[in-house]
Protein backbone atom coordinates (compact mmCIF):
# COMPACT_ATOMS: atom_id res chain seq x y z
CA UNK A 1 -61.18 -32.96 -73.62
CA UNK A 2 -62.29 -31.26 -70.40
CA UNK A 3 -60.32 -28.06 -69.74
CA UNK A 4 -62.27 -27.20 -66.60
CA UNK A 5 -61.09 -27.42 -63.02
CA UNK A 6 -61.02 -30.78 -61.29
CA UNK A 7 -63.33 -31.42 -58.36
CA UNK A 8 -60.52 -30.96 -55.85
CA UNK A 9 -59.51 -27.65 -57.45
CA UNK A 10 -63.08 -26.39 -57.28
CA UNK A 11 -63.32 -27.47 -53.65
CA UNK A 12 -60.12 -25.61 -52.73
CA UNK A 13 -61.21 -22.51 -54.63
CA UNK A 14 -64.69 -22.49 -53.11
CA UNK A 15 -63.38 -23.05 -49.58
CA UNK A 16 -60.95 -20.13 -49.90
CA UNK A 17 -63.63 -17.93 -51.48
CA UNK A 18 -66.12 -18.71 -48.72
CA UNK A 19 -63.75 -18.05 -45.82
CA UNK A 20 -62.17 -14.92 -47.27
CA UNK A 21 -65.47 -13.54 -48.57
CA UNK A 22 -67.00 -13.79 -45.12
CA UNK A 23 -64.03 -12.60 -43.06
CA UNK A 24 -62.49 -9.80 -45.15
CA UNK A 25 -64.64 -6.66 -45.22
CA UNK A 26 -63.92 -3.01 -46.05
CA UNK A 27 -64.49 -2.18 -42.38
CA UNK A 28 -61.81 -4.65 -41.28
CA UNK A 29 -59.37 -3.49 -43.96
CA UNK A 30 -59.83 0.13 -42.88
CA UNK A 31 -58.15 -0.57 -39.55
CA UNK A 32 -54.83 -1.11 -41.37
CA UNK A 33 -54.96 2.09 -43.45
CA UNK A 34 -52.12 4.56 -42.87
CA UNK A 35 -50.36 1.93 -40.75
CA UNK A 36 -52.82 2.21 -37.87
CA UNK A 37 -52.04 -1.46 -37.22
CA UNK A 38 -49.80 -4.06 -38.89
CA UNK A 39 -51.64 -5.37 -41.98
CA UNK A 40 -51.81 -8.96 -40.77
CA UNK A 41 -55.06 -10.58 -39.66
CA UNK A 42 -53.73 -13.28 -37.37
CA UNK A 43 -57.18 -14.63 -36.52
CA UNK A 44 -57.92 -15.14 -40.21
CA UNK A 45 -54.46 -16.70 -40.65
CA UNK A 46 -55.30 -19.26 -37.99
CA UNK A 47 -58.67 -19.90 -39.62
CA UNK A 48 -57.26 -20.65 -43.08
CA UNK A 49 -54.54 -22.77 -41.47
CA UNK A 50 -57.19 -24.82 -39.68
CA UNK A 51 -59.00 -25.21 -43.01
CA UNK A 52 -55.79 -26.71 -44.44
CA UNK A 53 -55.24 -23.95 -47.01
CA UNK A 54 -51.67 -23.16 -45.88
CA UNK A 55 -50.68 -26.71 -46.71
CA UNK A 56 -52.55 -27.21 -49.95
CA UNK A 57 -49.31 -27.84 -51.89
CA UNK A 58 -47.38 -29.46 -49.02
CA UNK A 59 -46.98 -33.24 -48.80
CA UNK A 60 -49.31 -35.11 -46.49
CA UNK A 61 -46.43 -36.43 -44.37
CA UNK A 62 -45.86 -32.85 -43.18
CA UNK A 63 -49.54 -32.19 -42.51
CA UNK A 64 -50.45 -30.77 -45.91
CA UNK A 65 -53.13 -31.70 -48.44
CA UNK A 66 -50.63 -33.04 -50.97
CA UNK A 67 -52.13 -31.14 -53.93
CA UNK A 68 -50.09 -29.04 -56.38
CA UNK A 69 -49.08 -25.54 -57.35
CA UNK A 70 -52.25 -24.94 -59.38
CA UNK A 71 -54.38 -25.25 -56.25
CA UNK A 72 -52.01 -22.87 -54.44
CA UNK A 73 -52.41 -20.43 -57.33
CA UNK A 74 -56.18 -20.54 -57.00
CA UNK A 75 -55.86 -19.57 -53.34
CA UNK A 76 -53.54 -16.68 -54.31
CA UNK A 77 -56.26 -15.53 -56.72
CA UNK A 78 -58.84 -15.50 -53.91
CA UNK A 79 -56.42 -13.63 -51.64
CA UNK A 80 -56.21 -10.99 -54.38
CA UNK A 81 -59.97 -10.94 -54.94
CA UNK A 82 -60.37 -9.91 -51.30
CA UNK A 83 -56.94 -8.20 -50.91
CA UNK A 84 -56.79 -10.15 -47.68
CA UNK A 85 -54.23 -8.96 -45.09
CA UNK A 86 -52.30 -12.25 -45.14
CA UNK A 87 -48.70 -13.23 -46.01
CA UNK A 88 -49.86 -16.09 -48.21
CA UNK A 89 -47.53 -15.67 -51.19
CA UNK A 90 -44.38 -14.92 -49.17
CA UNK A 91 -45.10 -17.76 -46.72
CA UNK A 92 -46.55 -20.55 -48.86
CA UNK A 93 -45.10 -19.88 -52.31
CA UNK A 94 -41.78 -18.09 -51.82
CA UNK A 95 -40.59 -19.98 -48.74
CA UNK A 96 -42.47 -23.21 -47.96
CA UNK A 97 -42.38 -24.65 -51.50
CA UNK A 98 -38.58 -24.22 -51.90
CA UNK A 99 -38.04 -25.82 -48.50
CA UNK A 100 -40.20 -28.77 -49.54
CA UNK A 101 -38.38 -29.31 -52.83
CA UNK A 102 -34.79 -28.46 -51.91
CA UNK A 103 -34.55 -28.79 -48.14
CA UNK A 104 -32.99 -31.69 -46.30
CA UNK A 105 -35.18 -34.20 -44.49
CA UNK A 106 -34.25 -32.49 -41.22
CA UNK A 107 -35.13 -29.03 -42.52
CA UNK A 108 -38.47 -30.19 -43.90
CA UNK A 109 -39.39 -32.02 -40.71
CA UNK A 110 -38.36 -29.01 -38.63
CA UNK A 111 -40.17 -26.30 -40.59
CA UNK A 112 -42.99 -27.60 -42.77
CA UNK A 113 -45.41 -28.95 -40.13
CA UNK A 114 -45.33 -25.59 -38.33
CA UNK A 115 -45.71 -23.73 -41.63
CA UNK A 116 -48.82 -25.79 -42.45
CA UNK A 117 -50.37 -25.29 -39.01
CA UNK A 118 -49.57 -21.58 -38.98
CA UNK A 119 -47.39 -21.86 -35.87
CA UNK A 120 -44.27 -20.97 -37.90
CA UNK A 121 -44.29 -17.94 -40.22
CA UNK A 122 -41.95 -17.92 -43.21
CA UNK A 123 -41.02 -15.21 -45.68
CA UNK A 124 -38.46 -14.60 -48.42
CA UNK A 125 -36.09 -11.72 -49.20
CA UNK A 126 -36.18 -11.44 -53.00
CA UNK A 127 -35.35 -7.85 -53.96
CA UNK A 128 -32.30 -5.62 -53.69
CA UNK A 129 -31.71 -1.97 -54.49
CA UNK A 130 -31.87 -1.60 -58.30
CA UNK A 131 -32.13 -5.37 -58.63
CA UNK A 132 -35.56 -6.99 -58.94
CA UNK A 133 -34.22 -10.34 -60.19
CA UNK A 134 -34.30 -12.93 -57.38
CA UNK A 135 -32.12 -15.31 -59.41
CA UNK A 136 -29.11 -12.96 -59.41
CA UNK A 137 -28.28 -11.71 -55.90
CA UNK A 138 -25.73 -8.90 -56.14
CA UNK A 139 -25.73 -6.90 -52.92
CA UNK A 140 -25.63 -9.83 -50.47
CA UNK A 141 -22.36 -11.74 -50.31
CA UNK A 142 -21.69 -15.08 -48.64
CA UNK A 143 -18.34 -16.41 -47.47
CA UNK A 144 -17.66 -19.92 -46.24
CA UNK A 145 -16.98 -20.28 -42.52
CA UNK A 146 -16.27 -23.10 -40.11
CA UNK A 147 -19.92 -23.25 -39.06
CA UNK A 148 -21.47 -22.70 -42.49
CA UNK A 149 -21.51 -19.27 -44.17
CA UNK A 150 -21.23 -15.63 -43.19
CA UNK A 151 -23.46 -13.16 -45.02
CA UNK A 152 -23.29 -9.39 -45.38
CA UNK A 153 -25.42 -7.10 -47.49
CA UNK A 154 -28.92 -5.70 -47.83
CA UNK A 155 -32.34 -6.71 -49.10
CA UNK A 156 -35.34 -4.45 -49.66
CA UNK A 157 -39.11 -4.81 -49.46
CA UNK A 158 -39.05 -8.05 -47.46
CA UNK A 159 -42.70 -8.76 -46.57
CA UNK A 160 -43.56 -9.58 -42.95
CA UNK A 161 -39.87 -9.85 -42.00
CA UNK A 162 -40.45 -8.61 -38.45
CA UNK A 163 -43.32 -11.04 -37.90
CA UNK A 164 -41.55 -14.03 -39.52
CA UNK A 165 -39.74 -16.80 -37.68
CA UNK A 166 -37.53 -17.65 -40.67
CA UNK A 167 -36.47 -15.66 -43.75
CA UNK A 168 -35.33 -17.36 -46.94
CA UNK A 169 -32.48 -15.32 -48.45
CA UNK A 170 -30.08 -15.72 -51.36
CA UNK A 171 -26.54 -14.36 -51.47
CA UNK A 172 -23.75 -14.45 -54.02
CA UNK A 173 -21.08 -16.95 -53.00
CA UNK A 174 -17.63 -17.79 -54.28
CA UNK A 175 -18.94 -20.80 -56.25
CA UNK A 176 -22.37 -19.45 -57.17
CA UNK A 177 -25.44 -18.42 -55.19
CA UNK A 178 -26.17 -19.64 -51.68
CA UNK A 179 -29.71 -19.88 -50.28
CA UNK A 180 -30.08 -19.83 -46.51
CA UNK A 181 -32.76 -19.69 -43.85
CA UNK A 182 -32.28 -16.84 -41.39
CA UNK A 183 -33.80 -16.96 -37.93
CA UNK A 184 -35.43 -13.98 -36.30
CA UNK A 185 -33.15 -12.03 -33.98
CA UNK A 186 -29.85 -13.40 -35.27
CA UNK A 187 -26.75 -11.35 -34.30
CA UNK A 188 -25.86 -8.93 -37.09
CA UNK A 189 -29.36 -8.95 -38.59
CA UNK A 190 -31.31 -5.70 -38.41
CA UNK A 191 -34.69 -4.62 -39.78
CA UNK A 192 -35.96 -1.20 -40.80
CA UNK A 193 -39.63 -0.68 -41.57
CA UNK A 194 -40.46 0.62 -45.05
CA UNK A 195 -43.66 2.41 -46.04
CA UNK A 196 -45.47 1.19 -49.14
CA UNK A 197 -48.73 2.23 -50.77
CA UNK A 198 -50.53 -1.02 -49.90
CA UNK A 199 -49.65 -0.72 -46.17
CA UNK A 200 -48.29 -4.28 -46.23
CA UNK A 201 -45.53 -4.72 -43.60
CA UNK A 202 -42.26 -4.57 -45.55
CA UNK A 203 -38.74 -4.14 -44.28
CA UNK A 204 -35.18 -3.29 -45.23
CA UNK A 205 -32.98 -6.19 -44.19
CA UNK A 206 -29.36 -5.37 -43.31
CA UNK A 207 -26.87 -8.15 -42.63
CA UNK A 208 -23.48 -7.53 -41.04
CA UNK A 209 -21.42 -10.75 -40.91
CA UNK A 210 -24.45 -12.85 -40.03
CA UNK A 211 -23.29 -16.37 -39.25
CA UNK A 212 -25.55 -19.09 -40.67
CA UNK A 213 -24.94 -22.67 -39.59
CA UNK A 214 -24.74 -25.43 -42.18
CA UNK A 215 -28.07 -26.92 -41.06
CA UNK A 216 -29.74 -23.67 -42.18
CA UNK A 217 -28.15 -23.64 -45.65
CA UNK A 218 -30.90 -24.69 -48.04
CA UNK A 219 -28.90 -24.94 -51.26
CA UNK A 220 -25.68 -23.73 -52.89
CA UNK A 221 -24.04 -23.63 -56.29
CA UNK A 222 -25.96 -25.18 -59.18
CA UNK A 223 -28.73 -26.44 -56.92
CA UNK A 224 -29.24 -22.93 -55.54
CA UNK A 225 -29.46 -21.56 -59.09
CA UNK A 226 -32.21 -24.08 -59.90
CA UNK A 227 -34.01 -23.20 -56.65
CA UNK A 228 -33.89 -19.47 -57.38
CA UNK A 229 -35.17 -19.91 -60.92
CA UNK A 230 -38.12 -21.93 -59.67
CA UNK A 231 -38.75 -19.58 -56.75
CA UNK A 232 -38.75 -16.57 -59.09
CA UNK A 233 -41.21 -18.21 -61.49
CA UNK A 234 -43.62 -19.55 -58.86
CA UNK A 235 -43.64 -16.25 -56.95
CA UNK A 236 -44.20 -14.28 -60.15
CA UNK A 237 -47.01 -16.62 -61.23
CA UNK A 238 -48.61 -16.30 -57.78
CA UNK A 239 -48.43 -12.50 -58.08
CA UNK A 240 -50.19 -12.81 -61.45
CA UNK A 241 -52.91 -14.91 -59.80
CA UNK A 242 -53.25 -12.29 -57.04
CA UNK A 243 -53.49 -9.62 -59.74
CA UNK A 244 -56.17 -11.63 -61.54
CA UNK A 245 -58.31 -11.78 -58.41
CA UNK A 246 -57.89 -8.07 -57.67
CA UNK A 247 -58.56 -7.01 -61.27
CA UNK A 248 -61.61 -9.24 -61.55
CA UNK A 249 -63.06 -7.79 -58.35
CA UNK A 250 -62.37 -4.19 -59.42
CA UNK A 251 -64.06 -4.89 -62.76
CA UNK A 252 -67.13 -6.39 -61.09
CA UNK A 253 -67.36 -3.54 -58.60
CA UNK A 254 -67.36 -1.16 -61.57
CA UNK A 255 -70.03 -3.13 -63.43
CA UNK A 256 -72.25 -3.10 -60.35
CA UNK A 257 -71.71 0.62 -59.76
CA UNK A 258 -72.44 1.66 -63.34
CA UNK A 259 -75.60 -0.48 -63.36
CA UNK A 260 -76.90 1.40 -60.31
CA UNK A 261 -75.57 4.93 -60.87
CA UNK A 262 -78.06 6.98 -62.85
CA UNK A 263 -77.64 10.05 -65.00
CA UNK A 264 -80.40 11.69 -67.03
CA UNK A 265 -82.75 9.16 -65.46
CA UNK A 266 -81.00 6.04 -66.80
CA UNK A 267 -78.13 3.84 -65.55
CA UNK A 268 -74.81 5.07 -66.90
CA UNK A 269 -74.04 1.46 -67.92
CA UNK A 270 -76.44 2.04 -70.84
CA UNK A 271 -74.16 4.76 -72.26
CA UNK A 272 -72.17 3.44 -75.18
CA UNK A 273 -68.84 4.88 -74.04
CA UNK A 274 -69.26 3.40 -70.57
CA UNK A 275 -70.32 0.02 -71.94
CA UNK A 276 -67.37 -0.15 -74.34
CA UNK A 277 -64.84 0.66 -71.65
CA UNK A 278 -66.34 -1.86 -69.22
CA UNK A 279 -66.34 -4.48 -71.99
CA UNK A 280 -62.65 -3.81 -72.62
CA UNK A 281 -61.99 -4.44 -68.92
CA UNK A 282 -63.81 -7.76 -69.15
CA UNK A 283 -61.75 -8.81 -72.18
CA UNK A 284 -58.54 -7.75 -70.42
CA UNK A 285 -59.35 -9.74 -67.28
CA UNK A 286 -60.24 -12.87 -69.25
CA UNK A 287 -56.99 -12.63 -71.24
CA UNK A 288 -55.07 -12.32 -67.98
CA UNK A 289 -56.96 -15.33 -66.63
CA UNK A 290 -55.97 -17.43 -69.66
CA UNK A 291 -52.30 -16.49 -69.48
CA UNK A 292 -52.14 -16.81 -65.69
CA UNK A 293 -53.71 -20.28 -65.68
CA UNK A 294 -51.40 -21.34 -68.51
CA UNK A 295 -48.36 -20.34 -66.44
CA UNK A 296 -49.45 -21.93 -63.17
CA UNK A 297 -50.61 -25.13 -64.89
CA UNK A 298 -47.22 -25.58 -66.57
CA UNK A 299 -45.44 -24.92 -63.30
CA UNK A 300 -47.76 -27.43 -61.66
CA UNK A 301 -46.81 -30.01 -64.32
CA UNK A 302 -43.10 -29.37 -63.75
CA UNK A 303 -42.35 -28.39 -67.36
CA UNK A 304 -40.35 -25.43 -68.65
CA UNK A 305 -42.46 -22.33 -67.96
CA UNK A 306 -40.17 -19.28 -68.23
CA UNK A 307 -41.82 -17.87 -71.34
CA UNK A 308 -45.36 -18.45 -70.08
CA UNK A 309 -44.55 -16.80 -66.73
CA UNK A 310 -43.10 -13.75 -68.48
CA UNK A 311 -46.13 -13.47 -70.74
CA UNK A 312 -48.44 -13.72 -67.72
CA UNK A 313 -46.47 -11.01 -65.91
CA UNK A 314 -46.69 -8.69 -68.91
CA UNK A 315 -50.46 -9.21 -69.00
CA UNK A 316 -50.71 -8.79 -65.23
CA UNK A 317 -48.94 -5.45 -65.40
CA UNK A 318 -50.84 -4.08 -68.40
CA UNK A 319 -54.26 -5.37 -67.32
CA UNK A 320 -53.85 -4.11 -63.78
CA UNK A 321 -52.89 -0.69 -65.13
CA UNK A 322 -55.79 -0.45 -67.57
CA UNK A 323 -58.46 -1.89 -65.27
CA UNK A 324 -57.40 0.37 -62.41
CA UNK A 325 -57.66 3.52 -64.54
CA UNK A 326 -60.92 2.44 -66.18
CA UNK A 327 -62.52 1.50 -62.85
CA UNK A 328 -61.63 4.84 -61.30
CA UNK A 329 -62.78 6.73 -64.38
CA UNK A 330 -66.15 4.96 -64.56
CA UNK A 331 -66.72 5.48 -60.84
CA UNK A 332 -66.10 9.20 -61.18
CA UNK A 333 -65.20 10.92 -57.92
CA UNK A 334 -66.33 7.86 -55.96
CA UNK A 335 -63.37 5.93 -57.37
CA UNK A 336 -60.85 7.95 -55.37
CA UNK A 337 -63.00 8.39 -52.26
CA UNK A 338 -61.23 6.59 -49.41
CA UNK A 339 -64.59 5.78 -47.85
CA UNK A 340 -65.27 3.57 -50.89
CA UNK A 341 -63.20 0.35 -51.19
CA UNK A 342 -62.06 0.66 -54.83
CA UNK A 343 -58.91 2.65 -54.03
CA UNK A 344 -57.41 -0.27 -52.10
CA UNK A 345 -57.72 -2.47 -55.17
CA UNK A 346 -56.09 0.20 -57.31
CA UNK A 347 -53.06 0.43 -55.02
CA UNK A 348 -52.65 -3.36 -55.06
CA UNK A 349 -53.03 -3.48 -58.85
CA UNK A 350 -50.21 -0.95 -59.12
CA UNK A 351 -48.10 -2.83 -56.56
CA UNK A 352 -48.44 -6.15 -58.38
CA UNK A 353 -47.74 -4.43 -61.70
CA UNK A 354 -44.29 -3.33 -60.56
CA UNK A 355 -43.31 -6.14 -58.16
CA UNK A 356 -40.47 -8.32 -59.48
CA UNK A 357 -40.26 -6.27 -62.67
CA UNK A 358 -42.84 -4.38 -64.67
CA UNK A 359 -44.19 -5.13 -68.12
CA UNK A 360 -41.42 -3.30 -69.98
CA UNK A 361 -38.69 -5.34 -68.34
CA UNK A 362 -40.45 -8.65 -68.92
CA UNK A 363 -41.35 -7.74 -72.48
CA UNK A 364 -37.71 -6.86 -73.21
CA UNK A 365 -36.53 -10.15 -71.72
CA UNK A 366 -39.11 -12.05 -73.75
CA UNK A 367 -38.01 -10.23 -76.90
CA UNK A 368 -34.40 -11.24 -76.27
CA UNK A 369 -35.47 -14.87 -76.01
CA UNK A 370 -37.42 -14.68 -79.24
CA UNK A 371 -34.49 -13.01 -81.02
CA UNK A 372 -32.15 -15.73 -79.73
CA UNK A 373 -34.48 -18.48 -80.94
CA UNK A 374 -35.33 -19.58 -77.41
CA UNK A 375 -39.09 -18.92 -77.58
CA UNK A 376 -41.89 -19.65 -80.04
CA UNK A 377 -39.57 -21.66 -82.28
CA UNK A 378 -40.30 -25.09 -83.77
């Protein structure tokens, strides 16, 4: 049995790697440091849209390639490998995929072609204060109205909210969760910029009786619960793929540096302690790769993937933590020098480690499933 990538998966991966490898450089990334400019390369966004990469998992009738989630995960990995200043996960994974699966024909026809071409920017509001679980909105409440629903509450860390045309948001309703699509500039909707270590544009979203018409309600009740479960798992798996790309690049940067840096007239890579620590990084990254690909392949097949996604997120958190520390240690003072690109990878590895719940939270949830006989049981 062949466990390798298919030809189309290799083509997608190589296309993304070629474009991003050529266009994303440390010099270009430096212009976004300390919020000198919004961390969004619109020219590159247009370029990957023209290459079809924004629509890799979108049906052909809406202008996409008609592939699956695995191909989208491979692109997320390449985004992480280059820490490209693009809203790929929030746009393609957290917003476009739920619209494709749960939206009405009118909603899909209205939003997906523009999302594929890059003319429409989507994002999703997933986190609340002290609540990192997208499936259980607590601080946003929805009430039925004559036009649709009225929503009040707050969301945190919403990526690219100010730049987005539509924001996918979940609120707690009287009969279960409600998932809606907010439009930029709606009355009662306000944004406040937040500062984060990666310099990604993120915002606090405050809603004060925001009226959402019925044609912008994506799902409600049981269907919304299914949507949020899938959205949480696909977004988490995409974050793991992003973490895989970033960790792999940090490891390879470290291997290259230690092979060139000399001490006592020999490369420090020949020192046993250095070699052992670098080898541990390699093992860590390959274990993350295995668990990440397992999660995204099961999601791509449409089978139950909750346990595999949690395992991948635990590995993503732990591997990102260990590789970041090892890479900085083996680089010595160069590892924290802001003129050298490693520090950007370290901040993203930390960001992905904590986003949507760290390793401890996911490990505890996995343990509860095992104890309840819901995981690893015949």
